[in-house]
Amino acid sequence: KSTDPSAPIACNVPPVDLSKDHVRGSTDARLAVIEYSDYQCPFCHRVHPTYEQIMKEYDGKVLWVYRHFPLGFHPNAIPLANAAECANEVGGTDGFWKLTDAIMTSDQVN
């Protein structure tokens, strides 16, 4: 919850669950960015480097939370999300983020 009284309140957003969510950054951070993303979405690909830059510039001060939001009109979105979950099962957090970074920086997703 924001300490800024003028900040709008997000509704219906599940709280961050460190045992279930895919997170990157400091779990002690005062700020969490929760990204709902589709691996086949071109706009999600465009914003990914911005999140990476935020993580570098504000090292230790931001928690990045990735949540799948595959859109029905992207035929590869669900298979890619499933692949990321498999990468997480095999390689843990590092495996998940390595595959996520590879997908989001590739122009071959479609």
PDB file of N, CA and C in Angstrom:
ATOM      1  N   LYS A   1       0.849  -1.186   0.000  1.00  0.00           N
ATOM      2  CA  LYS A   1       0.000   0.000   0.000  1.00  0.00           C
ATOM      3  C   LYS A   1       0.885   1.236   0.000  1.00  0.00           C
ATOM      4  N   SER A   2       0.499   2.187  -0.795  1.00  0.00           N
ATOM      5  CA  SER A   2       1.267   3.416  -0.923  1.00  0.00           C
ATOM      6  C   SER A   2       1.162   4.259   0.342  1.00  0.00           C
ATOM      7  N   THR A   3       2.256   4.918   0.668  1.00  0.00           N
ATOM      8  CA  THR A   3       2.245   5.864   1.789  1.00  0.00           C
ATOM      9  C   THR A   3       1.818   7.248   1.322  1.00  0.00           C
ATOM     10  N   ASP A   4       1.649   7.422   0.017  1.00  0.00           N
ATOM     11  CA  ASP A   4       1.207   8.701  -0.557  1.00  0.00           C
ATOM     12  C   ASP A   4      -0.323   8.726  -0.541  1.00  0.00           C
ATOM     13  N   PRO A   5      -0.938   9.604   0.260  1.00  0.00           N
ATOM     14  CA  PRO A   5      -2.402   9.618   0.354  1.00  0.00           C
ATOM     15  C   PRO A   5      -3.097  10.003  -0.958  1.00  0.00           C
ATOM     16  N   SER A   6      -2.390  10.645  -1.881  1.00  0.00           N
ATOM     17  CA  SER A   6      -3.019  11.034  -3.145  1.00  0.00           C
ATOM     18  C   SER A   6      -2.903   9.945  -4.221  1.00  0.00           C
ATOM     19  N   ALA A   7      -2.185   8.875  -3.911  1.00  0.00           N
ATOM     20  CA  ALA A   7      -2.015   7.790  -4.892  1.00  0.00           C
ATOM     21  C   ALA A   7      -3.332   7.035  -5.067  1.00  0.00           C
ATOM     22  N   PRO A   8      -3.690   6.708  -6.316  1.00  0.00           N
ATOM     23  CA  PRO A   8      -4.924   5.941  -6.526  1.00  0.00           C
ATOM     24  C   PRO A   8      -4.759   4.518  -5.978  1.00  0.00           C
ATOM     25  N   ILE A   9      -5.850   3.940  -5.585  1.00  0.00           N
ATOM     26  CA  ILE A   9      -5.831   2.595  -5.028  1.00  0.00           C
ATOM     27  C   ILE A   9      -6.174   1.611  -6.140  1.00  0.00           C
ATOM     28  N   ALA A  10      -5.303   0.625  -6.334  1.00  0.00           N
ATOM     29  CA  ALA A  10      -5.570  -0.417  -7.317  1.00  0.00           C
ATOM     30  C   ALA A  10      -6.591  -1.384  -6.722  1.00  0.00           C
ATOM     31  N   CYS A  11      -7.548  -1.777  -7.517  1.00  0.00           N
ATOM     32  CA  CYS A  11      -8.604  -2.669  -7.039  1.00  0.00           C
ATOM     33  C   CYS A  11      -8.419  -4.070  -7.606  1.00  0.00           C
ATOM     34  N   ASN A  12      -8.750  -5.043  -6.812  1.00  0.00           N
ATOM     35  CA  ASN A  12      -8.765  -6.444  -7.236  1.00  0.00           C
ATOM     36  C   ASN A  12      -7.410  -6.973  -7.690  1.00  0.00           C
ATOM     37  N   VAL A  13      -6.325  -6.421  -7.176  1.00  0.00           N
ATOM     38  CA  VAL A  13      -4.994  -6.925  -7.501  1.00  0.00           C
ATOM     39  C   VAL A  13      -4.554  -7.840  -6.362  1.00  0.00           C
ATOM     40  N   PRO A  14      -4.339  -9.123  -6.663  1.00  0.00           N
ATOM     41  CA  PRO A  14      -3.897 -10.023  -5.596  1.00  0.00           C
ATOM     42  C   PRO A  14      -2.561  -9.549  -5.023  1.00  0.00           C
ATOM     43  N   PRO A  15      -2.392  -9.652  -3.720  1.00  0.00           N
ATOM     44  CA  PRO A  15      -1.114  -9.247  -3.126  1.00  0.00           C
ATOM     45  C   PRO A  15       0.028 -10.119  -3.653  1.00  0.00           C
ATOM     46  N   VAL A  16       1.208  -9.568  -3.613  1.00  0.00           N
ATOM     47  CA  VAL A  16       2.390 -10.313  -4.045  1.00  0.00           C
ATOM     48  C   VAL A  16       2.589 -11.497  -3.113  1.00  0.00           C
ATOM     49  N   ASP A  17       2.757 -12.660  -3.710  1.00  0.00           N
ATOM     50  CA  ASP A  17       3.013 -13.888  -2.958  1.00  0.00           C
ATOM     51  C   ASP A  17       4.383 -14.402  -3.381  1.00  0.00           C
ATOM     52  N   LEU A  18       5.372 -14.208  -2.534  1.00  0.00           N
ATOM     53  CA  LEU A  18       6.748 -14.571  -2.883  1.00  0.00           C
ATOM     54  C   LEU A  18       6.927 -16.057  -3.124  1.00  0.00           C
ATOM     55  N   SER A  19       6.011 -16.880  -2.639  1.00  0.00           N
ATOM     56  CA  SER A  19       6.128 -18.326  -2.866  1.00  0.00           C
ATOM     57  C   SER A  19       5.508 -18.758  -4.191  1.00  0.00           C
ATOM     58  N   LYS A  20       4.701 -17.883  -4.805  1.00  0.00           N
ATOM     59  CA  LYS A  20       4.023 -18.244  -6.056  1.00  0.00           C
ATOM     60  C   LYS A  20       4.359 -17.332  -7.229  1.00  0.00           C
ATOM     61  N   ASP A  21       4.530 -16.048  -6.963  1.00  0.00           N
ATOM     62  CA  ASP A  21       4.800 -15.093  -8.039  1.00  0.00           C
ATOM     63  C   ASP A  21       6.230 -15.218  -8.539  1.00  0.00           C
ATOM     64  N   HIS A  22       6.443 -14.819  -9.788  1.00  0.00           N
ATOM     65  CA  HIS A  22       7.785 -14.749 -10.371  1.00  0.00           C
ATOM     66  C   HIS A  22       8.316 -13.354 -10.076  1.00  0.00           C
ATOM     67  N   VAL A  23       9.356 -13.288  -9.263  1.00  0.00           N
ATOM     68  CA  VAL A  23       9.870 -11.998  -8.824  1.00  0.00           C
ATOM     69  C   VAL A  23      11.349 -11.857  -9.160  1.00  0.00           C
ATOM     70  N   ARG A  24      11.733 -10.611  -9.322  1.00  0.00           N
ATOM     71  CA  ARG A  24      13.126 -10.240  -9.577  1.00  0.00           C
ATOM     72  C   ARG A  24      13.378  -8.965  -8.776  1.00  0.00           C
ATOM     73  N   GLY A  25      14.510  -8.926  -8.095  1.00  0.00           N
ATOM     74  CA  GLY A  25      14.846  -7.750  -7.303  1.00  0.00           C
ATOM     75  C   GLY A  25      14.759  -8.048  -5.821  1.00  0.00           C
ATOM     76  N   SER A  26      14.774  -7.003  -5.053  1.00  0.00           N
ATOM     77  CA  SER A  26      14.804  -7.126  -3.604  1.00  0.00           C
ATOM     78  C   SER A  26      13.414  -7.387  -3.034  1.00  0.00           C
ATOM     79  N   THR A  27      13.296  -8.451  -2.254  1.00  0.00           N
ATOM     80  CA  THR A  27      12.023  -8.741  -1.605  1.00  0.00           C
ATOM     81  C   THR A  27      11.760  -7.769  -0.452  1.00  0.00           C
ATOM     82  N   ASP A  28      12.751  -6.965  -0.088  1.00  0.00           N
ATOM     83  CA  ASP A  28      12.585  -5.939   0.942  1.00  0.00           C
ATOM     84  C   ASP A  28      12.269  -4.565   0.344  1.00  0.00           C
ATOM     85  N   ALA A  29      12.122  -4.498  -0.970  1.00  0.00           N
ATOM     86  CA  ALA A  29      11.876  -3.216  -1.643  1.00  0.00           C
ATOM     87  C   ALA A  29      10.557  -2.608  -1.190  1.00  0.00           C
ATOM     88  N   ARG A  30      10.522  -1.290  -1.147  1.00  0.00           N
ATOM     89  CA  ARG A  30       9.302  -0.578  -0.767  1.00  0.00           C
ATOM     90  C   ARG A  30       8.351  -0.419  -1.947  1.00  0.00           C
ATOM     91  N   LEU A  31       8.856  -0.672  -3.161  1.00  0.00           N
ATOM     92  CA  LEU A  31       8.046  -0.520  -4.363  1.00  0.00           C
ATOM     93  C   LEU A  31       8.040  -1.826  -5.139  1.00  0.00           C
ATOM     94  N   ALA A  32       6.849  -2.287  -5.502  1.00  0.00           N
ATOM     95  CA  ALA A  32       6.713  -3.470  -6.347  1.00  0.00           C
ATOM     96  C   ALA A  32       6.004  -3.064  -7.635  1.00  0.00           C
ATOM     97  N   VAL A  33       6.581  -3.439  -8.750  1.00  0.00           N
ATOM     98  CA  VAL A  33       5.947  -3.252 -10.054  1.00  0.00           C
ATOM     99  C   VAL A  33       5.380  -4.612 -10.435  1.00  0.00           C
ATOM    100  N   ILE A  34       4.069  -4.673 -10.598  1.00  0.00           N
ATOM    101  CA  ILE A  34       3.418  -5.930 -10.972  1.00  0.00           C
ATOM    102  C   ILE A  34       3.058  -5.832 -12.444  1.00  0.00           C
ATOM    103  N   GLU A  35       3.701  -6.673 -13.218  1.00  0.00           N
ATOM    104  CA  GLU A  35       3.497  -6.677 -14.670  1.00  0.00           C
ATOM    105  C   GLU A  35       2.594  -7.846 -15.049  1.00  0.00           C
ATOM    106  N   TYR A  36       1.511  -7.561 -15.726  1.00  0.00           N
ATOM    107  CA  TYR A  36       0.665  -8.582 -16.324  1.00  0.00           C
ATOM    108  C   TYR A  36       1.025  -8.583 -17.805  1.00  0.00           C
ATOM    109  N   SER A  37       1.538  -9.715 -18.286  1.00  0.00           N
ATOM    110  CA  SER A  37       2.148  -9.689 -19.607  1.00  0.00           C
ATOM    111  C   SER A  37       1.821 -10.919 -20.440  1.00  0.00           C
ATOM    112  N   ASP A  38       1.943 -10.735 -21.733  1.00  0.00           N
ATOM    113  CA  ASP A  38       1.705 -11.760 -22.750  1.00  0.00           C
ATOM    114  C   ASP A  38       2.991 -11.859 -23.561  1.00  0.00           C
ATOM    115  N   TYR A  39       3.570 -13.049 -23.619  1.00  0.00           N
ATOM    116  CA  TYR A  39       4.848 -13.230 -24.307  1.00  0.00           C
ATOM    117  C   TYR A  39       4.785 -12.927 -25.801  1.00  0.00           C
ATOM    118  N   GLN A  40       3.607 -12.884 -26.372  1.00  0.00           N
ATOM    119  CA  GLN A  40       3.493 -12.609 -27.799  1.00  0.00           C
ATOM    120  C   GLN A  40       3.057 -11.167 -28.083  1.00  0.00           C
ATOM    121  N   CYS A  41       2.845 -10.384 -27.057  1.00  0.00           N
ATOM    122  CA  CYS A  41       2.382  -9.012 -27.213  1.00  0.00           C
ATOM    123  C   CYS A  41       3.542  -8.078 -27.587  1.00  0.00           C
ATOM    124  N   PRO A  42       3.449  -7.370 -28.707  1.00  0.00           N
ATOM    125  CA  PRO A  42       4.540  -6.482 -29.104  1.00  0.00           C
ATOM    126  C   PRO A  42       4.759  -5.327 -28.124  1.00  0.00           C
ATOM    127  N   PHE A  43       3.711  -4.879 -27.464  1.00  0.00           N
ATOM    128  CA  PHE A  43       3.849  -3.788 -26.504  1.00  0.00           C
ATOM    129  C   PHE A  43       4.550  -4.264 -25.233  1.00  0.00           C
ATOM    130  N   CYS A  44       4.293  -5.503 -24.852  1.00  0.00           N
ATOM    131  CA  CYS A  44       4.993  -6.096 -23.702  1.00  0.00           C
ATOM    132  C   CYS A  44       6.480  -6.229 -24.018  1.00  0.00           C
ATOM    133  N   HIS A  45       6.801  -6.578 -25.256  1.00  0.00           N
ATOM    134  CA  HIS A  45       8.206  -6.670 -25.678  1.00  0.00           C
ATOM    135  C   HIS A  45       8.870  -5.296 -25.595  1.00  0.00           C
ATOM    136  N   ARG A  46       8.145  -4.272 -25.974  1.00  0.00           N
ATOM    137  CA  ARG A  46       8.713  -2.915 -25.960  1.00  0.00           C
ATOM    138  C   ARG A  46       9.023  -2.423 -24.544  1.00  0.00           C
ATOM    139  N   VAL A  47       8.201  -2.798 -23.581  1.00  0.00           N
ATOM    140  CA  VAL A  47       8.385  -2.282 -22.226  1.00  0.00           C
ATOM    141  C   VAL A  47       9.403  -3.109 -21.426  1.00  0.00           C
ATOM    142  N   HIS A  48       9.697  -4.308 -21.862  1.00  0.00           N
ATOM    143  CA  HIS A  48      10.617  -5.178 -21.115  1.00  0.00           C
ATOM    144  C   HIS A  48      11.978  -4.520 -20.853  1.00  0.00           C
ATOM    145  N   PRO A  49      12.617  -3.899 -21.845  1.00  0.00           N
ATOM    146  CA  PRO A  49      13.892  -3.233 -21.565  1.00  0.00           C
ATOM    147  C   PRO A  49      13.766  -2.095 -20.546  1.00  0.00           C
ATOM    148  N   THR A  50      12.614  -1.458 -20.501  1.00  0.00           N
ATOM    149  CA  THR A  50      12.400  -0.397 -19.519  1.00  0.00           C
ATOM    150  C   THR A  50      12.402  -0.974 -18.113  1.00  0.00           C
ATOM    151  N   TYR A  51      11.734  -2.106 -17.924  1.00  0.00           N
ATOM    152  CA  TYR A  51      11.755  -2.766 -16.612  1.00  0.00           C
ATOM    153  C   TYR A  51      13.175  -3.191 -16.242  1.00  0.00           C
ATOM    154  N   GLU A  52      13.912  -3.703 -17.216  1.00  0.00           N
ATOM    155  CA  GLU A  52      15.303  -4.088 -16.944  1.00  0.00           C
ATOM    156  C   GLU A  52      16.127  -2.875 -16.514  1.00  0.00           C
ATOM    157  N   GLN A  53      15.914  -1.751 -17.170  1.00  0.00           N
ATOM    158  CA  GLN A  53      16.632  -0.520 -16.829  1.00  0.00           C
ATOM    159  C   GLN A  53      16.253  -0.052 -15.416  1.00  0.00           C
ATOM    160  N   ILE A  54      14.986  -0.120 -15.086  1.00  0.00           N
ATOM    161  CA  ILE A  54      14.543   0.247 -13.733  1.00  0.00           C
ATOM    162  C   ILE A  54      15.245  -0.621 -12.696  1.00  0.00           C
ATOM    163  N   MET A  55      15.340  -1.907 -12.968  1.00  0.00           N
ATOM    164  CA  MET A  55      15.974  -2.824 -12.018  1.00  0.00           C
ATOM    165  C   MET A  55      17.448  -2.484 -11.824  1.00  0.00           C
ATOM    166  N   LYS A  56      18.118  -2.065 -12.892  1.00  0.00           N
ATOM    167  CA  LYS A  56      19.540  -1.687 -12.779  1.00  0.00           C
ATOM    168  C   LYS A  56      19.707  -0.357 -12.055  1.00  0.00           C
ATOM    169  N   GLU A  57      18.925   0.628 -12.448  1.00  0.00           N
ATOM    170  CA  GLU A  57      19.088   1.972 -11.892  1.00  0.00           C
ATOM    171  C   GLU A  57      18.628   2.080 -10.442  1.00  0.00           C
ATOM    172  N   TYR A  58      17.670   1.277 -10.063  1.00  0.00           N
ATOM    173  CA  TYR A  58      17.137   1.318  -8.703  1.00  0.00           C
ATOM    174  C   TYR A  58      17.405  -0.007  -7.985  1.00  0.00           C
ATOM    175  N   ASP A  59      18.589  -0.531  -8.190  1.00  0.00           N
ATOM    176  CA  ASP A  59      18.995  -1.817  -7.630  1.00  0.00           C
ATOM    177  C   ASP A  59      18.688  -1.883  -6.134  1.00  0.00           C
ATOM    178  N   GLY A  60      17.940  -2.907  -5.757  1.00  0.00           N
ATOM    179  CA  GLY A  60      17.607  -3.107  -4.358  1.00  0.00           C
ATOM    180  C   GLY A  60      16.400  -2.326  -3.868  1.00  0.00           C
ATOM    181  N   LYS A  61      15.869  -1.457  -4.717  1.00  0.00           N
ATOM    182  CA  LYS A  61      14.764  -0.602  -4.283  1.00  0.00           C
ATOM    183  C   LYS A  61      13.429  -0.975  -4.929  1.00  0.00           C
ATOM    184  N   VAL A  62      13.461  -1.896  -5.896  1.00  0.00           N
ATOM    185  CA  VAL A  62      12.254  -2.260  -6.629  1.00  0.00           C
ATOM    186  C   VAL A  62      12.139  -3.774  -6.718  1.00  0.00           C
ATOM    187  N   LEU A  63      10.931  -4.255  -6.577  1.00  0.00           N
ATOM    188  CA  LEU A  63      10.614  -5.660  -6.791  1.00  0.00           C
ATOM    189  C   LEU A  63       9.783  -5.740  -8.057  1.00  0.00           C
ATOM    190  N   TRP A  64      10.212  -6.557  -9.003  1.00  0.00           N
ATOM    191  CA  TRP A  64       9.497  -6.742 -10.271  1.00  0.00           C
ATOM    192  C   TRP A  64       8.752  -8.062 -10.177  1.00  0.00           C
ATOM    193  N   VAL A  65       7.457  -8.014 -10.345  1.00  0.00           N
ATOM    194  CA  VAL A  65       6.610  -9.199 -10.278  1.00  0.00           C
ATOM    195  C   VAL A  65       6.033  -9.439 -11.672  1.00  0.00           C
ATOM    196  N   TYR A  66       6.253 -10.647 -12.197  1.00  0.00           N
ATOM    197  CA  TYR A  66       5.737 -11.000 -13.520  1.00  0.00           C
ATOM    198  C   TYR A  66       4.555 -11.938 -13.336  1.00  0.00           C
ATOM    199  N   ARG A  67       3.436 -11.586 -13.942  1.00  0.00           N
ATOM    200  CA  ARG A  67       2.257 -12.456 -13.937  1.00  0.00           C
ATOM    201  C   ARG A  67       1.790 -12.654 -15.374  1.00  0.00           C
ATOM    202  N   HIS A  68       1.491 -13.894 -15.704  1.00  0.00           N
ATOM    203  CA  HIS A  68       1.033 -14.221 -17.060  1.00  0.00           C
ATOM    204  C   HIS A  68      -0.356 -13.634 -17.315  1.00  0.00           C
ATOM    205  N   PHE A  69      -0.518 -13.090 -18.519  1.00  0.00           N
ATOM    206  CA  PHE A  69      -1.812 -12.588 -18.971  1.00  0.00           C
ATOM    207  C   PHE A  69      -1.901 -12.833 -20.481  1.00  0.00           C
ATOM    208  N   PRO A  70      -1.914 -14.121 -20.879  1.00  0.00           N
ATOM    209  CA  PRO A  70      -1.945 -14.426 -22.314  1.00  0.00           C
ATOM    210  C   PRO A  70      -3.281 -14.029 -22.938  1.00  0.00           C
ATOM    211  N   LEU A  71      -3.198 -13.330 -24.040  1.00  0.00           N
ATOM    212  CA  LEU A  71      -4.392 -12.871 -24.745  1.00  0.00           C
ATOM    213  C   LEU A  71      -4.843 -13.933 -25.750  1.00  0.00           C
ATOM    214  N   GLY A  72      -6.148 -14.126 -25.835  1.00  0.00           N
ATOM    215  CA  GLY A  72      -6.710 -15.188 -26.665  1.00  0.00           C
ATOM    216  C   GLY A  72      -6.401 -15.078 -28.143  1.00  0.00           C
ATOM    217  N   PHE A  73      -6.127 -13.880 -28.627  1.00  0.00           N
ATOM    218  CA  PHE A  73      -5.855 -13.726 -30.060  1.00  0.00           C
ATOM    219  C   PHE A  73      -4.379 -13.896 -30.400  1.00  0.00           C
ATOM    220  N   HIS A  74      -3.552 -14.229 -29.403  1.00  0.00           N
ATOM    221  CA  HIS A  74      -2.143 -14.557 -29.645  1.00  0.00           C
ATOM    222  C   HIS A  74      -1.979 -16.072 -29.510  1.00  0.00           C
ATOM    223  N   PRO A  75      -1.905 -16.784 -30.621  1.00  0.00           N
ATOM    224  CA  PRO A  75      -1.918 -18.250 -30.569  1.00  0.00           C
ATOM    225  C   PRO A  75      -0.730 -18.877 -29.840  1.00  0.00           C
ATOM    226  N   ASN A  76       0.388 -18.173 -29.756  1.00  0.00           N
ATOM    227  CA  ASN A  76       1.558 -18.736 -29.079  1.00  0.00           C
ATOM    228  C   ASN A  76       1.696 -18.287 -27.627  1.00  0.00           C
ATOM    229  N   ALA A  77       0.806 -17.430 -27.158  1.00  0.00           N
ATOM    230  CA  ALA A  77       0.938 -16.866 -25.811  1.00  0.00           C
ATOM    231  C   ALA A  77       0.848 -17.935 -24.720  1.00  0.00           C
ATOM    232  N   ILE A  78      -0.130 -18.814 -24.810  1.00  0.00           N
ATOM    233  CA  ILE A  78      -0.271 -19.850 -23.782  1.00  0.00           C
ATOM    234  C   ILE A  78       0.868 -20.865 -23.859  1.00  0.00           C
ATOM    235  N   PRO A  79       1.238 -21.365 -25.037  1.00  0.00           N
ATOM    236  CA  PRO A  79       2.383 -22.281 -25.080  1.00  0.00           C
ATOM    237  C   PRO A  79       3.676 -21.642 -24.548  1.00  0.00           C
ATOM    238  N   LEU A  80       3.881 -20.366 -24.825  1.00  0.00           N
ATOM    239  CA  LEU A  80       5.078 -19.692 -24.309  1.00  0.00           C
ATOM    240  C   LEU A  80       5.017 -19.537 -22.792  1.00  0.00           C
ATOM    241  N   ALA A  81       3.846 -19.223 -22.264  1.00  0.00           N
ATOM    242  CA  ALA A  81       3.685 -19.132 -20.805  1.00  0.00           C
ATOM    243  C   ALA A  81       3.925 -20.493 -20.165  1.00  0.00           C
ATOM    244  N   ASN A  82       3.433 -21.552 -20.795  1.00  0.00           N
ATOM    245  CA  ASN A  82       3.683 -22.905 -20.286  1.00  0.00           C
ATOM    246  C   ASN A  82       5.175 -23.238 -20.319  1.00  0.00           C
ATOM    247  N   ALA A  83       5.856 -22.817 -21.376  1.00  0.00           N
ATOM    248  CA  ALA A  83       7.302 -23.052 -21.469  1.00  0.00           C
ATOM    249  C   ALA A  83       8.039 -22.328 -20.348  1.00  0.00           C
ATOM    250  N   ALA A  84       7.610 -21.120 -20.033  1.00  0.00           N
ATOM    251  CA  ALA A  84       8.238 -20.364 -18.945  1.00  0.00           C
ATOM    252  C   ALA A  84       8.013 -21.049 -17.604  1.00  0.00           C
ATOM    253  N   GLU A  85       6.830 -21.614 -17.419  1.00  0.00           N
ATOM    254  CA  GLU A  85       6.562 -22.351 -16.179  1.00  0.00           C
ATOM    255  C   GLU A  85       7.413 -23.618 -16.104  1.00  0.00           C
ATOM    256  N   CYS A  86       7.617 -24.278 -17.243  1.00  0.00           N
ATOM    257  CA  CYS A  86       8.514 -25.446 -17.274  1.00  0.00           C
ATOM    258  C   CYS A  86       9.943 -25.024 -16.952  1.00  0.00           C
ATOM    259  N   ALA A  87      10.379 -23.907 -17.510  1.00  0.00           N
ATOM    260  CA  ALA A  87      11.721 -23.392 -17.217  1.00  0.00           C
ATOM    261  C   ALA A  87      11.862 -23.095 -15.730  1.00  0.00           C
ATOM    262  N   ASN A  88      10.795 -22.608 -15.122  1.00  0.00           N
ATOM    263  CA  ASN A  88      10.808 -22.343 -13.689  1.00  0.00           C
ATOM    264  C   ASN A  88      10.923 -23.640 -12.890  1.00  0.00           C
ATOM    265  N   GLU A  89      10.192 -24.678 -13.322  1.00  0.00           N
ATOM    266  CA  GLU A  89      10.252 -25.968 -12.625  1.00  0.00           C
ATOM    267  C   GLU A  89      11.636 -26.589 -12.720  1.00  0.00           C
ATOM    268  N   VAL A  90      12.263 -26.459 -13.872  1.00  0.00           N
ATOM    269  CA  VAL A  90      13.578 -27.066 -14.087  1.00  0.00           C
ATOM    270  C   VAL A  90      14.702 -26.206 -13.525  1.00  0.00           C
ATOM    271  N   GLY A  91      14.639 -24.899 -13.770  1.00  0.00           N
ATOM    272  CA  GLY A  91      15.751 -24.025 -13.407  1.00  0.00           C
ATOM    273  C   GLY A  91      15.454 -22.999 -12.334  1.00  0.00           C
ATOM    274  N   GLY A  92      14.271 -23.083 -11.718  1.00  0.00           N
ATOM    275  CA  GLY A  92      13.923 -22.142 -10.667  1.00  0.00           C
ATOM    276  C   GLY A  92      13.750 -20.732 -11.213  1.00  0.00           C
ATOM    277  N   THR A  93      13.902 -19.774 -10.323  1.00  0.00           N
ATOM    278  CA  THR A  93      13.733 -18.371 -10.687  1.00  0.00           C
ATOM    279  C   THR A  93      14.672 -17.968 -11.816  1.00  0.00           C
ATOM    280  N   ASP A  94      15.930 -18.414 -11.749  1.00  0.00           N
ATOM    281  CA  ASP A  94      16.881 -18.075 -12.813  1.00  0.00           C
ATOM    282  C   ASP A  94      16.425 -18.613 -14.165  1.00  0.00           C
ATOM    283  N   GLY A  95      15.934 -19.852 -14.175  1.00  0.00           N
ATOM    284  CA  GLY A  95      15.448 -20.442 -15.417  1.00  0.00           C
ATOM    285  C   GLY A  95      14.266 -19.677 -15.985  1.00  0.00           C
ATOM    286  N   PHE A  96      13.345 -19.298 -15.105  1.00  0.00           N
ATOM    287  CA  PHE A  96      12.176 -18.526 -15.554  1.00  0.00           C
ATOM    288  C   PHE A  96      12.606 -17.214 -16.194  1.00  0.00           C
ATOM    289  N   TRP A  97      13.470 -16.461 -15.490  1.00  0.00           N
ATOM    290  CA  TRP A  97      13.848 -15.138 -15.996  1.00  0.00           C
ATOM    291  C   TRP A  97      14.751 -15.219 -17.217  1.00  0.00           C
ATOM    292  N   LYS A  98      15.585 -16.246 -17.314  1.00  0.00           N
ATOM    293  CA  LYS A  98      16.421 -16.401 -18.516  1.00  0.00           C
ATOM    294  C   LYS A  98      15.534 -16.610 -19.742  1.00  0.00           C
ATOM    295  N   LEU A  99      14.533 -17.484 -19.602  1.00  0.00           N
ATOM    296  CA  LEU A  99      13.642 -17.723 -20.738  1.00  0.00           C
ATOM    297  C   LEU A  99      12.780 -16.483 -21.018  1.00  0.00           C
ATOM    298  N   THR A 100      12.282 -15.859 -19.981  1.00  0.00           N
ATOM    299  CA  THR A 100      11.475 -14.648 -20.171  1.00  0.00           C
ATOM    300  C   THR A 100      12.276 -13.572 -20.893  1.00  0.00           C
ATOM    301  N   ASP A 101      13.511 -13.332 -20.450  1.00  0.00           N
ATOM    302  CA  ASP A 101      14.358 -12.340 -21.119  1.00  0.00           C
ATOM    303  C   ASP A 101      14.601 -12.720 -22.574  1.00  0.00           C
ATOM    304  N   ALA A 102      14.850 -14.004 -22.829  1.00  0.00           N
ATOM    305  CA  ALA A 102      15.104 -14.459 -24.207  1.00  0.00           C
ATOM    306  C   ALA A 102      13.876 -14.246 -25.087  1.00  0.00           C
ATOM    307  N   ILE A 103      12.715 -14.591 -24.565  1.00  0.00           N
ATOM    308  CA  ILE A 103      11.484 -14.417 -25.347  1.00  0.00           C
ATOM    309  C   ILE A 103      11.216 -12.937 -25.601  1.00  0.00           C
ATOM    310  N   MET A 104      11.342 -12.137 -24.557  1.00  0.00           N
ATOM    311  CA  MET A 104      10.969 -10.729 -24.665  1.00  0.00           C
ATOM    312  C   MET A 104      11.962  -9.901 -25.474  1.00  0.00           C
ATOM    313  N   THR A 105      13.139 -10.416 -25.716  1.00  0.00           N
ATOM    314  CA  THR A 105      14.106  -9.691 -26.543  1.00  0.00           C
ATOM    315  C   THR A 105      14.212 -10.292 -27.947  1.00  0.00           C
ATOM    316  N   SER A 106      13.386 -11.288 -28.208  1.00  0.00           N
ATOM    317  CA  SER A 106      13.399 -11.921 -29.527  1.00  0.00           C
ATOM    318  C   SER A 106      12.339 -11.308 -30.428  1.00  0.00           C
ATOM    319  N   ASP A 107      12.654 -11.230 -31.698  1.00  0.00           N
ATOM    320  CA  ASP A 107      11.644 -10.792 -32.661  1.00  0.00           C
ATOM    321  C   ASP A 107      11.079 -11.998 -33.419  1.00  0.00           C
ATOM    322  N   GLN A 108      11.382 -13.195 -32.942  1.00  0.00           N
ATOM    323  CA  GLN A 108      10.943 -14.425 -33.601  1.00  0.00           C
ATOM    324  C   GLN A 108       9.778 -15.110 -32.889  1.00  0.00           C
ATOM    325  N   VAL A 109       9.111 -14.431 -31.982  1.00  0.00           N
ATOM    326  CA  VAL A 109       8.055 -15.057 -31.182  1.00  0.00           C
ATOM    327  C   VAL A 109       6.839 -15.419 -32.013  1.00  0.00           C
ATOM    328  N   ASN A 110       6.533 -14.630 -33.014  1.00  0.00           N
ATOM    329  CA  ASN A 110       5.354 -14.923 -33.840  1.00  0.00           C
ATOM    330  C   ASN A 110       5.647 -15.994 -34.852  1.00  0.00           C
TER     331      ASN A 110
END
